[in-house]
Amino acid sequence: MRDGYLLNLRTFHEVRDDKAQALKPLEEAAEVLGAWQDCDDMRLSPIMTARREYRQSLIDECMDVVQAVVSLLDAEGFTQEDVDAAIERCNERNRERGHL
């Protein structure tokens, strides 16, 4: 089990404080579900190259979500300090729920 991942993603070149920007993480998350379903369907496949391709697609879609979220944070003007504080609050909530 990992304690987390170190992620260093850039924001989109153009970010906007608008509904389209806010919807982008949701759109990308839907693509994660589709990629996960494809990956899950191939989980028992004896064809290793197909399994690797589906796993790569899944992680690529996950990173698209993270990048869309980072871009939304930027569009809203959040600082690294804001993000660090939010991460701490998130970790605390999840510790209380028994997830961490």
PDB file of N, CA and C in Angstrom:
ATOM      1  N   MET A   1       0.844  -1.174   0.000  1.00  0.00           N
ATOM      2  CA  MET A   1       0.000   0.000   0.000  1.00  0.00           C
ATOM      3  C   MET A   1       0.893   1.243   0.000  1.00  0.00           C
ATOM      4  N   ARG A   2       0.551   2.187  -0.817  1.00  0.00           N
ATOM      5  CA  ARG A   2       1.302   3.436  -0.907  1.00  0.00           C
ATOM      6  C   ARG A   2       0.755   4.474   0.059  1.00  0.00           C
ATOM      7  N   ASP A   3       1.627   5.388   0.439  1.00  0.00           N
ATOM      8  CA  ASP A   3       1.207   6.478   1.302  1.00  0.00           C
ATOM      9  C   ASP A   3       0.756   7.682   0.483  1.00  0.00           C
ATOM     10  N   GLY A   4       0.844   7.579  -0.824  1.00  0.00           N
ATOM     11  CA  GLY A   4       0.432   8.669  -1.702  1.00  0.00           C
ATOM     12  C   GLY A   4       1.332   8.739  -2.916  1.00  0.00           C
ATOM     13  N   TYR A   5       1.112   9.713  -3.740  1.00  0.00           N
ATOM     14  CA  TYR A   5       1.886   9.936  -4.951  1.00  0.00           C
ATOM     15  C   TYR A   5       2.338  11.387  -4.974  1.00  0.00           C
ATOM     16  N   LEU A   6       3.515  11.608  -5.479  1.00  0.00           N
ATOM     17  CA  LEU A   6       3.988  12.963  -5.693  1.00  0.00           C
ATOM     18  C   LEU A   6       3.600  13.336  -7.110  1.00  0.00           C
ATOM     19  N   LEU A   7       2.720  14.309  -7.276  1.00  0.00           N
ATOM     20  CA  LEU A   7       2.223  14.709  -8.584  1.00  0.00           C
ATOM     21  C   LEU A   7       2.677  16.133  -8.882  1.00  0.00           C
ATOM     22  N   ASN A   8       3.159  16.344 -10.072  1.00  0.00           N
ATOM     23  CA  ASN A   8       3.602  17.671 -10.486  1.00  0.00           C
ATOM     24  C   ASN A   8       3.037  17.913 -11.878  1.00  0.00           C
ATOM     25  N   LEU A   9       1.827  18.427 -11.932  1.00  0.00           N
ATOM     26  CA  LEU A   9       1.165  18.665 -13.212  1.00  0.00           C
ATOM     27  C   LEU A   9       1.026  20.148 -13.470  1.00  0.00           C
ATOM     28  N   ARG A  10       1.154  20.512 -14.700  1.00  0.00           N
ATOM     29  CA  ARG A  10       0.961  21.907 -15.110  1.00  0.00           C
ATOM     30  C   ARG A  10      -0.521  22.166 -15.331  1.00  0.00           C
ATOM     31  N   THR A  11      -0.887  23.420 -15.237  1.00  0.00           N
ATOM     32  CA  THR A  11      -2.278  23.792 -15.533  1.00  0.00           C
ATOM     33  C   THR A  11      -2.424  23.977 -17.042  1.00  0.00           C
ATOM     34  N   PHE A  12      -3.647  24.028 -17.497  1.00  0.00           N
ATOM     35  CA  PHE A  12      -3.908  24.335 -18.897  1.00  0.00           C
ATOM     36  C   PHE A  12      -3.375  25.738 -19.196  1.00  0.00           C
ATOM     37  N   HIS A  13      -3.027  26.009 -20.448  1.00  0.00           N
ATOM     38  CA  HIS A  13      -2.534  27.338 -20.830  1.00  0.00           C
ATOM     39  C   HIS A  13      -3.564  28.415 -20.541  1.00  0.00           C
ATOM     40  N   GLU A  14      -4.809  28.117 -20.850  1.00  0.00           N
ATOM     41  CA  GLU A  14      -5.876  29.090 -20.621  1.00  0.00           C
ATOM     42  C   GLU A  14      -6.878  28.496 -19.641  1.00  0.00           C
ATOM     43  N   VAL A  15      -7.014  29.140 -18.503  1.00  0.00           N
ATOM     44  CA  VAL A  15      -8.021  28.714 -17.535  1.00  0.00           C
ATOM     45  C   VAL A  15      -9.011  29.857 -17.359  1.00  0.00           C
ATOM     46  N   ARG A  16     -10.256  29.478 -17.106  1.00  0.00           N
ATOM     47  CA  ARG A  16     -11.306  30.476 -16.947  1.00  0.00           C
ATOM     48  C   ARG A  16     -12.153  30.116 -15.732  1.00  0.00           C
ATOM     49  N   ASP A  17     -12.606  31.112 -15.066  1.00  0.00           N
ATOM     50  CA  ASP A  17     -13.513  30.932 -13.940  1.00  0.00           C
ATOM     51  C   ASP A  17     -14.930  30.867 -14.505  1.00  0.00           C
ATOM     52  N   ASP A  18     -15.238  29.724 -15.143  1.00  0.00           N
ATOM     53  CA  ASP A  18     -16.566  29.580 -15.750  1.00  0.00           C
ATOM     54  C   ASP A  18     -17.060  28.138 -15.627  1.00  0.00           C
ATOM     55  N   LYS A  19     -18.286  27.929 -16.054  1.00  0.00           N
ATOM     56  CA  LYS A  19     -18.920  26.618 -15.931  1.00  0.00           C
ATOM     57  C   LYS A  19     -18.180  25.555 -16.727  1.00  0.00           C
ATOM     58  N   ALA A  20     -17.703  25.887 -17.909  1.00  0.00           N
ATOM     59  CA  ALA A  20     -16.982  24.904 -18.738  1.00  0.00           C
ATOM     60  C   ALA A  20     -15.746  24.386 -18.009  1.00  0.00           C
ATOM     61  N   GLN A  21     -15.025  25.287 -17.356  1.00  0.00           N
ATOM     62  CA  GLN A  21     -13.835  24.887 -16.602  1.00  0.00           C
ATOM     63  C   GLN A  21     -14.234  24.002 -15.420  1.00  0.00           C
ATOM     64  N   ALA A  22     -15.319  24.353 -14.769  1.00  0.00           N
ATOM     65  CA  ALA A  22     -15.793  23.582 -13.621  1.00  0.00           C
ATOM     66  C   ALA A  22     -16.289  22.194 -14.034  1.00  0.00           C
ATOM     67  N   LEU A  23     -16.816  22.079 -15.248  1.00  0.00           N
ATOM     68  CA  LEU A  23     -17.313  20.782 -15.718  1.00  0.00           C
ATOM     69  C   LEU A  23     -16.207  19.858 -16.231  1.00  0.00           C
ATOM     70  N   LYS A  24     -15.057  20.407 -16.551  1.00  0.00           N
ATOM     71  CA  LYS A  24     -13.977  19.604 -17.145  1.00  0.00           C
ATOM     72  C   LYS A  24     -13.567  18.422 -16.269  1.00  0.00           C
ATOM     73  N   PRO A  25     -13.386  18.577 -14.939  1.00  0.00           N
ATOM     74  CA  PRO A  25     -13.049  17.397 -14.134  1.00  0.00           C
ATOM     75  C   PRO A  25     -14.116  16.308 -14.189  1.00  0.00           C
ATOM     76  N   LEU A  26     -15.378  16.719 -14.247  1.00  0.00           N
ATOM     77  CA  LEU A  26     -16.466  15.738 -14.333  1.00  0.00           C
ATOM     78  C   LEU A  26     -16.398  14.978 -15.651  1.00  0.00           C
ATOM     79  N   GLU A  27     -16.187  15.700 -16.736  1.00  0.00           N
ATOM     80  CA  GLU A  27     -16.056  15.071 -18.054  1.00  0.00           C
ATOM     81  C   GLU A  27     -14.899  14.067 -18.052  1.00  0.00           C
ATOM     82  N   GLU A  28     -13.761  14.489 -17.499  1.00  0.00           N
ATOM     83  CA  GLU A  28     -12.598  13.607 -17.460  1.00  0.00           C
ATOM     84  C   GLU A  28     -12.848  12.406 -16.548  1.00  0.00           C
ATOM     85  N   ALA A  29     -13.560  12.621 -15.435  1.00  0.00           N
ATOM     86  CA  ALA A  29     -13.866  11.521 -14.518  1.00  0.00           C
ATOM     87  C   ALA A  29     -14.738  10.465 -15.199  1.00  0.00           C
ATOM     88  N   ALA A  30     -15.660  10.901 -16.038  1.00  0.00           N
ATOM     89  CA  ALA A  30     -16.481   9.940 -16.784  1.00  0.00           C
ATOM     90  C   ALA A  30     -15.606   9.094 -17.700  1.00  0.00           C
ATOM     91  N   GLU A  31     -14.577   9.715 -18.275  1.00  0.00           N
ATOM     92  CA  GLU A  31     -13.647   8.970 -19.131  1.00  0.00           C
ATOM     93  C   GLU A  31     -12.830   7.976 -18.313  1.00  0.00           C
ATOM     94  N   VAL A  32     -12.532   8.316 -17.047  1.00  0.00           N
ATOM     95  CA  VAL A  32     -11.838   7.376 -16.163  1.00  0.00           C
ATOM     96  C   VAL A  32     -12.697   6.130 -15.962  1.00  0.00           C
ATOM     97  N   LEU A  33     -13.981   6.333 -15.715  1.00  0.00           N
ATOM     98  CA  LEU A  33     -14.867   5.187 -15.509  1.00  0.00           C
ATOM     99  C   LEU A  33     -14.868   4.284 -16.738  1.00  0.00           C
ATOM    100  N   GLY A  34     -14.972   4.868 -17.920  1.00  0.00           N
ATOM    101  CA  GLY A  34     -14.953   4.064 -19.140  1.00  0.00           C
ATOM    102  C   GLY A  34     -13.648   3.304 -19.298  1.00  0.00           C
ATOM    103  N   ALA A  35     -12.529   3.960 -19.007  1.00  0.00           N
ATOM    104  CA  ALA A  35     -11.229   3.302 -19.110  1.00  0.00           C
ATOM    105  C   ALA A  35     -11.102   2.198 -18.071  1.00  0.00           C
ATOM    106  N   TRP A  36     -11.623   2.439 -16.863  1.00  0.00           N
ATOM    107  CA  TRP A  36     -11.578   1.402 -15.832  1.00  0.00           C
ATOM    108  C   TRP A  36     -12.413   0.193 -16.242  1.00  0.00           C
ATOM    109  N   GLN A  37     -13.582   0.449 -16.820  1.00  0.00           N
ATOM    110  CA  GLN A  37     -14.433  -0.662 -17.263  1.00  0.00           C
ATOM    111  C   GLN A  37     -13.723  -1.489 -18.323  1.00  0.00           C
ATOM    112  N   ASP A  38     -13.077  -0.821 -19.272  1.00  0.00           N
ATOM    113  CA  ASP A  38     -12.312  -1.542 -20.297  1.00  0.00           C
ATOM    114  C   ASP A  38     -11.185  -2.347 -19.664  1.00  0.00           C
ATOM    115  N   CYS A  39     -10.487  -1.740 -18.733  1.00  0.00           N
ATOM    116  CA  CYS A  39      -9.383  -2.400 -18.038  1.00  0.00           C
ATOM    117  C   CYS A  39      -9.901  -3.604 -17.248  1.00  0.00           C
ATOM    118  N   ASP A  40     -11.016  -3.420 -16.568  1.00  0.00           N
ATOM    119  CA  ASP A  40     -11.604  -4.498 -15.771  1.00  0.00           C
ATOM    120  C   ASP A  40     -12.010  -5.667 -16.658  1.00  0.00           C
ATOM    121  N   ASP A  41     -12.551  -5.362 -17.841  1.00  0.00           N
ATOM    122  CA  ASP A  41     -12.948  -6.419 -18.776  1.00  0.00           C
ATOM    123  C   ASP A  41     -11.744  -7.238 -19.232  1.00  0.00           C
ATOM    124  N   MET A  42     -10.570  -6.607 -19.262  1.00  0.00           N
ATOM    125  CA  MET A  42      -9.360  -7.281 -19.748  1.00  0.00           C
ATOM    126  C   MET A  42      -8.519  -7.880 -18.620  1.00  0.00           C
ATOM    127  N   ARG A  43      -8.962  -7.735 -17.383  1.00  0.00           N
ATOM    128  CA  ARG A  43      -8.167  -8.147 -16.223  1.00  0.00           C
ATOM    129  C   ARG A  43      -7.690  -9.593 -16.312  1.00  0.00           C
ATOM    130  N   LEU A  44      -8.506 -10.476 -16.794  1.00  0.00           N
ATOM    131  CA  LEU A  44      -8.151 -11.888 -16.864  1.00  0.00           C
ATOM    132  C   LEU A  44      -7.667 -12.309 -18.252  1.00  0.00           C
ATOM    133  N   SER A  45      -7.482 -11.361 -19.123  1.00  0.00           N
ATOM    134  CA  SER A  45      -7.043 -11.680 -20.479  1.00  0.00           C
ATOM    135  C   SER A  45      -5.625 -12.240 -20.467  1.00  0.00           C
ATOM    136  N   PRO A  46      -5.394 -13.283 -21.253  1.00  0.00           N
ATOM    137  CA  PRO A  46      -4.034 -13.816 -21.357  1.00  0.00           C
ATOM    138  C   PRO A  46      -3.147 -12.954 -22.271  1.00  0.00           C
ATOM    139  N   ILE A  47      -3.734 -11.985 -22.927  1.00  0.00           N
ATOM    140  CA  ILE A  47      -2.982 -11.143 -23.854  1.00  0.00           C
ATOM    141  C   ILE A  47      -2.402  -9.961 -23.077  1.00  0.00           C
ATOM    142  N   MET A  48      -1.140 -10.076 -22.713  1.00  0.00           N
ATOM    143  CA  MET A  48      -0.502  -9.074 -21.855  1.00  0.00           C
ATOM    144  C   MET A  48      -0.422  -7.698 -22.517  1.00  0.00           C
ATOM    145  N   THR A  49      -0.205  -7.645 -23.819  1.00  0.00           N
ATOM    146  CA  THR A  49      -0.081  -6.333 -24.467  1.00  0.00           C
ATOM    147  C   THR A  49      -1.405  -5.578 -24.395  1.00  0.00           C
ATOM    148  N   ALA A  50      -2.514  -6.287 -24.534  1.00  0.00           N
ATOM    149  CA  ALA A  50      -3.826  -5.639 -24.437  1.00  0.00           C
ATOM    150  C   ALA A  50      -4.051  -5.136 -23.017  1.00  0.00           C
ATOM    151  N   ARG A  51      -3.686  -5.932 -22.032  1.00  0.00           N
ATOM    152  CA  ARG A  51      -3.852  -5.509 -20.639  1.00  0.00           C
ATOM    153  C   ARG A  51      -3.020  -4.266 -20.347  1.00  0.00           C
ATOM    154  N   ARG A  52      -1.790  -4.244 -20.841  1.00  0.00           N
ATOM    155  CA  ARG A  52      -0.923  -3.075 -20.622  1.00  0.00           C
ATOM    156  C   ARG A  52      -1.514  -1.828 -21.269  1.00  0.00           C
ATOM    157  N   GLU A  53      -2.061  -1.972 -22.473  1.00  0.00           N
ATOM    158  CA  GLU A  53      -2.663  -0.827 -23.170  1.00  0.00           C
ATOM    159  C   GLU A  53      -3.855  -0.275 -22.391  1.00  0.00           C
ATOM    160  N   TYR A  54      -4.707  -1.154 -21.881  1.00  0.00           N
ATOM    161  CA  TYR A  54      -5.868  -0.699 -21.126  1.00  0.00           C
ATOM    162  C   TYR A  54      -5.453  -0.056 -19.804  1.00  0.00           C
ATOM    163  N   ARG A  55      -4.417  -0.618 -19.157  1.00  0.00           N
ATOM    164  CA  ARG A  55      -3.916  -0.010 -17.914  1.00  0.00           C
ATOM    165  C   ARG A  55      -3.320   1.366 -18.197  1.00  0.00           C
ATOM    166  N   GLN A  56      -2.593   1.485 -19.301  1.00  0.00           N
ATOM    167  CA  GLN A  56      -2.026   2.787 -19.658  1.00  0.00           C
ATOM    168  C   GLN A  56      -3.132   3.788 -19.944  1.00  0.00           C
ATOM    169  N   SER A  57      -4.161   3.351 -20.627  1.00  0.00           N
ATOM    170  CA  SER A  57      -5.297   4.235 -20.889  1.00  0.00           C
ATOM    171  C   SER A  57      -5.931   4.701 -19.585  1.00  0.00           C
ATOM    172  N   LEU A  58      -6.071   3.800 -18.620  1.00  0.00           N
ATOM    173  CA  LEU A  58      -6.674   4.153 -17.326  1.00  0.00           C
ATOM    174  C   LEU A  58      -5.833   5.190 -16.593  1.00  0.00           C
ATOM    175  N   ILE A  59      -4.538   4.980 -16.505  1.00  0.00           N
ATOM    176  CA  ILE A  59      -3.715   5.952 -15.777  1.00  0.00           C
ATOM    177  C   ILE A  59      -3.670   7.287 -16.521  1.00  0.00           C
ATOM    178  N   ASP A  60      -3.669   7.249 -17.849  1.00  0.00           N
ATOM    179  CA  ASP A  60      -3.690   8.500 -18.619  1.00  0.00           C
ATOM    180  C   ASP A  60      -4.965   9.288 -18.350  1.00  0.00           C
ATOM    181  N   GLU A  61      -6.097   8.596 -18.301  1.00  0.00           N
ATOM    182  CA  GLU A  61      -7.365   9.269 -18.012  1.00  0.00           C
ATOM    183  C   GLU A  61      -7.380   9.819 -16.587  1.00  0.00           C
ATOM    184  N   CYS A  62      -6.797   9.082 -15.640  1.00  0.00           N
ATOM    185  CA  CYS A  62      -6.717   9.576 -14.262  1.00  0.00           C
ATOM    186  C   CYS A  62      -5.901  10.861 -14.208  1.00  0.00           C
ATOM    187  N   MET A  63      -4.803  10.916 -14.934  1.00  0.00           N
ATOM    188  CA  MET A  63      -3.980  12.129 -14.935  1.00  0.00           C
ATOM    189  C   MET A  63      -4.705  13.289 -15.605  1.00  0.00           C
ATOM    190  N   ASP A  64      -5.537  12.987 -16.597  1.00  0.00           N
ATOM    191  CA  ASP A  64      -6.354  14.043 -17.206  1.00  0.00           C
ATOM    192  C   ASP A  64      -7.288  14.667 -16.166  1.00  0.00           C
ATOM    193  N   VAL A  65      -7.842  13.832 -15.276  1.00  0.00           N
ATOM    194  CA  VAL A  65      -8.713  14.350 -14.216  1.00  0.00           C
ATOM    195  C   VAL A  65      -7.918  15.256 -13.285  1.00  0.00           C
ATOM    196  N   VAL A  66      -6.762  14.771 -12.864  1.00  0.00           N
ATOM    197  CA  VAL A  66      -5.945  15.557 -11.940  1.00  0.00           C
ATOM    198  C   VAL A  66      -5.565  16.895 -12.572  1.00  0.00           C
ATOM    199  N   GLN A  67      -5.179  16.862 -13.844  1.00  0.00           N
ATOM    200  CA  GLN A  67      -4.795  18.104 -14.515  1.00  0.00           C
ATOM    201  C   GLN A  67      -5.993  19.045 -14.647  1.00  0.00           C
ATOM    202  N   ALA A  68      -7.159  18.512 -14.918  1.00  0.00           N
ATOM    203  CA  ALA A  68      -8.359  19.352 -15.005  1.00  0.00           C
ATOM    204  C   ALA A  68      -8.676  19.979 -13.649  1.00  0.00           C
ATOM    205  N   VAL A  69      -8.481  19.234 -12.575  1.00  0.00           N
ATOM    206  CA  VAL A  69      -8.727  19.773 -11.238  1.00  0.00           C
ATOM    207  C   VAL A  69      -7.700  20.858 -10.905  1.00  0.00           C
ATOM    208  N   VAL A  70      -6.431  20.597 -11.217  1.00  0.00           N
ATOM    209  CA  VAL A  70      -5.381  21.590 -10.976  1.00  0.00           C
ATOM    210  C   VAL A  70      -5.686  22.875 -11.753  1.00  0.00           C
ATOM    211  N   SER A  71      -6.154  22.728 -12.969  1.00  0.00           N
ATOM    212  CA  SER A  71      -6.487  23.903 -13.774  1.00  0.00           C
ATOM    213  C   SER A  71      -7.669  24.668 -13.191  1.00  0.00           C
ATOM    214  N   LEU A  72      -8.642  23.953 -12.640  1.00  0.00           N
ATOM    215  CA  LEU A  72      -9.765  24.617 -11.983  1.00  0.00           C
ATOM    216  C   LEU A  72      -9.296  25.375 -10.733  1.00  0.00           C
ATOM    217  N   LEU A  73      -8.399  24.757  -9.974  1.00  0.00           N
ATOM    218  CA  LEU A  73      -7.846  25.449  -8.812  1.00  0.00           C
ATOM    219  C   LEU A  73      -7.161  26.743  -9.227  1.00  0.00           C
ATOM    220  N   ASP A  74      -6.418  26.682 -10.322  1.00  0.00           N
ATOM    221  CA  ASP A  74      -5.735  27.869 -10.834  1.00  0.00           C
ATOM    222  C   ASP A  74      -6.735  28.923 -11.291  1.00  0.00           C
ATOM    223  N   ALA A  75      -7.762  28.491 -11.998  1.00  0.00           N
ATOM    224  CA  ALA A  75      -8.779  29.428 -12.487  1.00  0.00           C
ATOM    225  C   ALA A  75      -9.465  30.155 -11.332  1.00  0.00           C
ATOM    226  N   GLU A  76      -9.591  29.468 -10.205  1.00  0.00           N
ATOM    227  CA  GLU A  76     -10.237  30.063  -9.032  1.00  0.00           C
ATOM    228  C   GLU A  76      -9.262  30.858  -8.167  1.00  0.00           C
ATOM    229  N   GLY A  77      -7.981  30.854  -8.536  1.00  0.00           N
ATOM    230  CA  GLY A  77      -7.002  31.656  -7.827  1.00  0.00           C
ATOM    231  C   GLY A  77      -6.475  31.069  -6.527  1.00  0.00           C
ATOM    232  N   PHE A  78      -6.610  29.759  -6.336  1.00  0.00           N
ATOM    233  CA  PHE A  78      -6.092  29.142  -5.123  1.00  0.00           C
ATOM    234  C   PHE A  78      -4.570  29.100  -5.156  1.00  0.00           C
ATOM    235  N   THR A  79      -3.966  29.269  -3.995  1.00  0.00           N
ATOM    236  CA  THR A  79      -2.512  29.228  -3.862  1.00  0.00           C
ATOM    237  C   THR A  79      -2.071  27.838  -3.399  1.00  0.00           C
ATOM    238  N   GLN A  80      -0.765  27.609  -3.421  1.00  0.00           N
ATOM    239  CA  GLN A  80      -0.235  26.348  -2.896  1.00  0.00           C
ATOM    240  C   GLN A  80      -0.574  26.207  -1.415  1.00  0.00           C
ATOM    241  N   GLU A  81      -0.540  27.320  -0.703  1.00  0.00           N
ATOM    242  CA  GLU A  81      -0.898  27.305   0.714  1.00  0.00           C
ATOM    243  C   GLU A  81      -2.356  26.862   0.902  1.00  0.00           C
ATOM    244  N   ASP A  82      -3.254  27.351   0.057  1.00  0.00           N
ATOM    245  CA  ASP A  82      -4.660  26.935   0.107  1.00  0.00           C
ATOM    246  C   ASP A  82      -4.789  25.434  -0.146  1.00  0.00           C
ATOM    247  N   VAL A  83      -4.061  24.971  -1.143  1.00  0.00           N
ATOM    248  CA  VAL A  83      -4.119  23.548  -1.508  1.00  0.00           C
ATOM    249  C   VAL A  83      -3.568  22.686  -0.378  1.00  0.00           C
ATOM    250  N   ASP A  84      -2.434  23.092   0.198  1.00  0.00           N
ATOM    251  CA  ASP A  84      -1.849  22.327   1.305  1.00  0.00           C
ATOM    252  C   ASP A  84      -2.821  22.232   2.478  1.00  0.00           C
ATOM    253  N   ALA A  85      -3.484  23.329   2.800  1.00  0.00           N
ATOM    254  CA  ALA A  85      -4.456  23.324   3.894  1.00  0.00           C
ATOM    255  C   ALA A  85      -5.643  22.415   3.566  1.00  0.00           C
ATOM    256  N   ALA A  86      -6.091  22.449   2.323  1.00  0.00           N
ATOM    257  CA  ALA A  86      -7.215  21.597   1.911  1.00  0.00           C
ATOM    258  C   ALA A  86      -6.819  20.120   1.956  1.00  0.00           C
ATOM    259  N   ILE A  87      -5.584  19.824   1.583  1.00  0.00           N
ATOM    260  CA  ILE A  87      -5.097  18.438   1.648  1.00  0.00           C
ATOM    261  C   ILE A  87      -5.118  17.959   3.099  1.00  0.00           C
ATOM    262  N   GLU A  88      -4.664  18.799   4.012  1.00  0.00           N
ATOM    263  CA  GLU A  88      -4.675  18.438   5.431  1.00  0.00           C
ATOM    264  C   GLU A  88      -6.102  18.183   5.925  1.00  0.00           C
ATOM    265  N   ARG A  89      -7.034  19.057   5.529  1.00  0.00           N
ATOM    266  CA  ARG A  89      -8.441  18.858   5.933  1.00  0.00           C
ATOM    267  C   ARG A  89      -8.989  17.562   5.346  1.00  0.00           C
ATOM    268  N   CYS A  90      -8.654  17.293   4.101  1.00  0.00           N
ATOM    269  CA  CYS A  90      -9.099  16.059   3.443  1.00  0.00           C
ATOM    270  C   CYS A  90      -8.539  14.836   4.170  1.00  0.00           C
ATOM    271  N   ASN A  91      -7.246  14.879   4.482  1.00  0.00           N
ATOM    272  CA  ASN A  91      -6.632  13.760   5.205  1.00  0.00           C
ATOM    273  C   ASN A  91      -7.280  13.565   6.564  1.00  0.00           C
ATOM    274  N   GLU A  92      -7.561  14.649   7.263  1.00  0.00           N
ATOM    275  CA  GLU A  92      -8.195  14.548   8.575  1.00  0.00           C
ATOM    276  C   GLU A  92      -9.593  13.930   8.454  1.00  0.00           C
ATOM    277  N   ARG A  93     -10.377  14.394   7.482  1.00  0.00           N
ATOM    278  CA  ARG A  93     -11.715  13.800   7.279  1.00  0.00           C
ATOM    279  C   ARG A  93     -11.601  12.301   7.014  1.00  0.00           C
ATOM    280  N   ASN A  94     -10.648  11.925   6.195  1.00  0.00           N
ATOM    281  CA  ASN A  94     -10.505  10.518   5.850  1.00  0.00           C
ATOM    282  C   ASN A  94      -9.935   9.684   6.997  1.00  0.00           C
ATOM    283  N   ARG A  95      -9.109  10.296   7.847  1.00  0.00           N
ATOM    284  CA  ARG A  95      -8.655   9.589   9.060  1.00  0.00           C
ATOM    285  C   ARG A  95      -9.862   9.328   9.969  1.00  0.00           C
ATOM    286  N   GLU A  96     -10.706  10.354  10.126  1.00  0.00           N
ATOM    287  CA  GLU A  96     -11.902  10.203  10.978  1.00  0.00           C
ATOM    288  C   GLU A  96     -12.839   9.118  10.446  1.00  0.00           C
ATOM    289  N   ARG A  97     -12.879   8.966   9.146  1.00  0.00           N
ATOM    290  CA  ARG A  97     -13.752   7.959   8.520  1.00  0.00           C
ATOM    291  C   ARG A  97     -13.091   6.581   8.472  1.00  0.00           C
ATOM    292  N   GLY A  98     -11.832   6.507   8.918  1.00  0.00           N
ATOM    293  CA  GLY A  98     -11.129   5.231   8.924  1.00  0.00           C
ATOM    294  C   GLY A  98     -10.499   4.853   7.597  1.00  0.00           C
ATOM    295  N   HIS A  99     -10.435   5.785   6.677  1.00  0.00           N
ATOM    296  CA  HIS A  99      -9.842   5.503   5.371  1.00  0.00           C
ATOM    297  C   HIS A  99      -8.314   5.604   5.386  1.00  0.00           C
ATOM    298  N   LEU A 100      -7.770   6.348   6.346  1.00  0.00           N
ATOM    299  CA  LEU A 100      -6.308   6.513   6.433  1.00  0.00           C
ATOM    300  C   LEU A 100      -5.820   5.994   7.767  1.00  0.00           C
TER     301      LEU A 100
END
